[in-house]
Protein backbone atom coordinates (compact mmCIF):
# COMPACT_ATOMS: atom_id res chain seq x y z
CA MET A 1 -30.14 32.67 25.22
CA SER A 2 -27.62 30.29 23.65
CA ALA A 3 -24.24 31.43 22.32
CA VAL A 4 -25.41 30.59 18.80
CA THR A 5 -28.50 32.78 19.13
CA ARG A 6 -26.46 35.62 20.61
CA LEU A 7 -23.99 35.47 17.69
CA GLU A 8 -26.81 35.35 15.17
CA ASN A 9 -28.52 38.35 16.75
CA GLU A 10 -25.25 40.25 17.06
CA ILE A 11 -24.21 39.84 13.44
CA TYR A 12 -27.70 40.55 12.14
CA ASN A 13 -28.02 43.71 14.23
CA LEU A 14 -24.53 44.82 13.25
CA ALA A 15 -25.25 44.42 9.54
CA VAL A 16 -28.50 46.35 9.84
CA GLU A 17 -26.70 49.08 11.79
CA LEU A 18 -23.88 49.26 9.23
CA ALA A 19 -26.30 49.46 6.35
CA SER A 20 -28.17 52.21 8.17
CA CYS A 21 -25.21 54.40 9.12
CA THR A 22 -23.58 54.09 5.70
CA ARG A 23 -26.90 54.88 4.01
CA ILE A 24 -26.59 51.88 1.72
CA SER A 25 -29.64 52.12 -0.48
CA ASP A 26 -28.48 49.48 -2.96
CA VAL A 27 -28.92 46.49 -0.63
CA ALA A 28 -31.66 44.21 -1.92
CA ALA A 29 -31.69 41.90 1.10
CA ILE A 30 -29.90 40.74 4.22
CA GLN A 31 -30.20 37.01 4.88
CA VAL A 32 -28.88 34.99 7.83
CA ILE A 33 -26.76 32.12 6.47
CA ASP A 34 -25.98 30.40 9.76
CA SER A 35 -25.29 31.26 13.38
CA ALA A 36 -22.07 33.13 12.56
CA SER A 37 -22.63 34.76 9.21
CA LEU A 38 -25.08 36.48 6.93
CA ALA A 39 -25.33 37.58 3.33
CA VAL A 40 -25.76 41.14 2.15
CA ILE A 41 -27.22 40.99 -1.34
CA PRO A 42 -26.70 44.09 -3.49
CA TYR A 43 -29.15 45.08 -6.21
CA ALA A 44 -26.31 45.17 -8.74
CA LYS A 45 -22.79 43.74 -8.99
CA ARG A 46 -21.35 47.23 -9.47
CA ASP A 47 -22.34 48.09 -5.88
CA PHE A 48 -20.02 45.43 -4.39
CA CYS A 49 -16.96 47.68 -4.01
CA ARG A 50 -18.86 50.59 -2.50
CA ILE A 51 -20.76 48.39 -0.05
CA THR A 52 -17.61 46.44 0.91
CA GLU A 53 -15.68 49.65 1.58
CA ALA A 54 -18.53 51.08 3.66
CA LEU A 55 -18.85 47.91 5.73
CA GLN A 56 -15.09 47.65 6.30
CA ARG A 57 -14.92 51.29 7.35
CA TYR A 58 -17.49 50.76 10.12
CA SER A 59 -16.76 47.18 11.21
CA HIS A 60 -13.35 47.88 12.83
CA GLY A 61 -12.11 44.42 11.87
CA ASP A 62 -14.89 42.62 13.77
CA ILE A 63 -16.37 41.29 10.53
CA VAL A 64 -14.71 39.20 7.82
CA ILE A 65 -16.17 40.08 4.43
CA THR A 66 -15.96 37.62 1.54
CA SER A 67 -17.70 37.39 -1.82
CA VAL A 68 -20.06 34.44 -2.20
CA GLY A 69 -21.74 34.22 -5.58
CA SER A 70 -23.83 37.36 -6.03
CA ALA A 71 -23.67 38.31 -2.35
CA LEU A 72 -21.25 39.59 0.25
CA CYS A 73 -20.86 37.21 3.18
CA LEU A 74 -20.27 38.85 6.57
CA SER A 75 -18.87 36.61 9.31
CA LEU A 76 -18.04 37.53 12.88
CA ARG A 77 -14.29 37.18 13.42
CA THR A 78 -14.84 35.81 16.96
CA ALA A 79 -17.25 33.20 15.63
CA ARG A 80 -14.68 32.00 13.11
CA GLU A 81 -12.08 31.69 15.87
CA GLU A 82 -14.52 29.75 18.06
CA SER A 83 -15.44 27.33 15.27
CA PHE A 84 -11.74 26.81 14.50
CA SER A 85 -11.10 25.98 18.17
CA VAL A 86 -13.98 23.51 18.21
CA ARG A 87 -12.67 21.76 15.09
CA ARG A 88 -9.20 21.48 16.60
CA GLY A 89 -10.68 20.12 19.81
CA ASP A 90 -12.72 17.52 17.92
CA ASP A 91 -9.62 16.43 15.98
CA ARG A 92 -7.72 15.84 19.21
CA ILE A 93 -10.57 13.82 20.74
CA GLY A 94 -10.90 11.68 17.61
CA ALA A 95 -7.15 10.97 17.39
């Protein structure tokens, strides 16, 4: 299994687990955006704060949560660090 697939599976499983243990009933959908992030789409905008707080409470800082349009984007912190390292490496090679 590639690192990308592992990250995708990990973040998807984590989001499902978080939604389950926080009993979030106002989530309309969970969609994978790319290998390192996914979108949690609430039924209504008013649910953003409650869902964000619930996810932050259970993620222990492993997930970065940002608002993207009408969804919450969850990204693995380790994946962001890895992609940053790759970009820096590419810059050095191209210089």
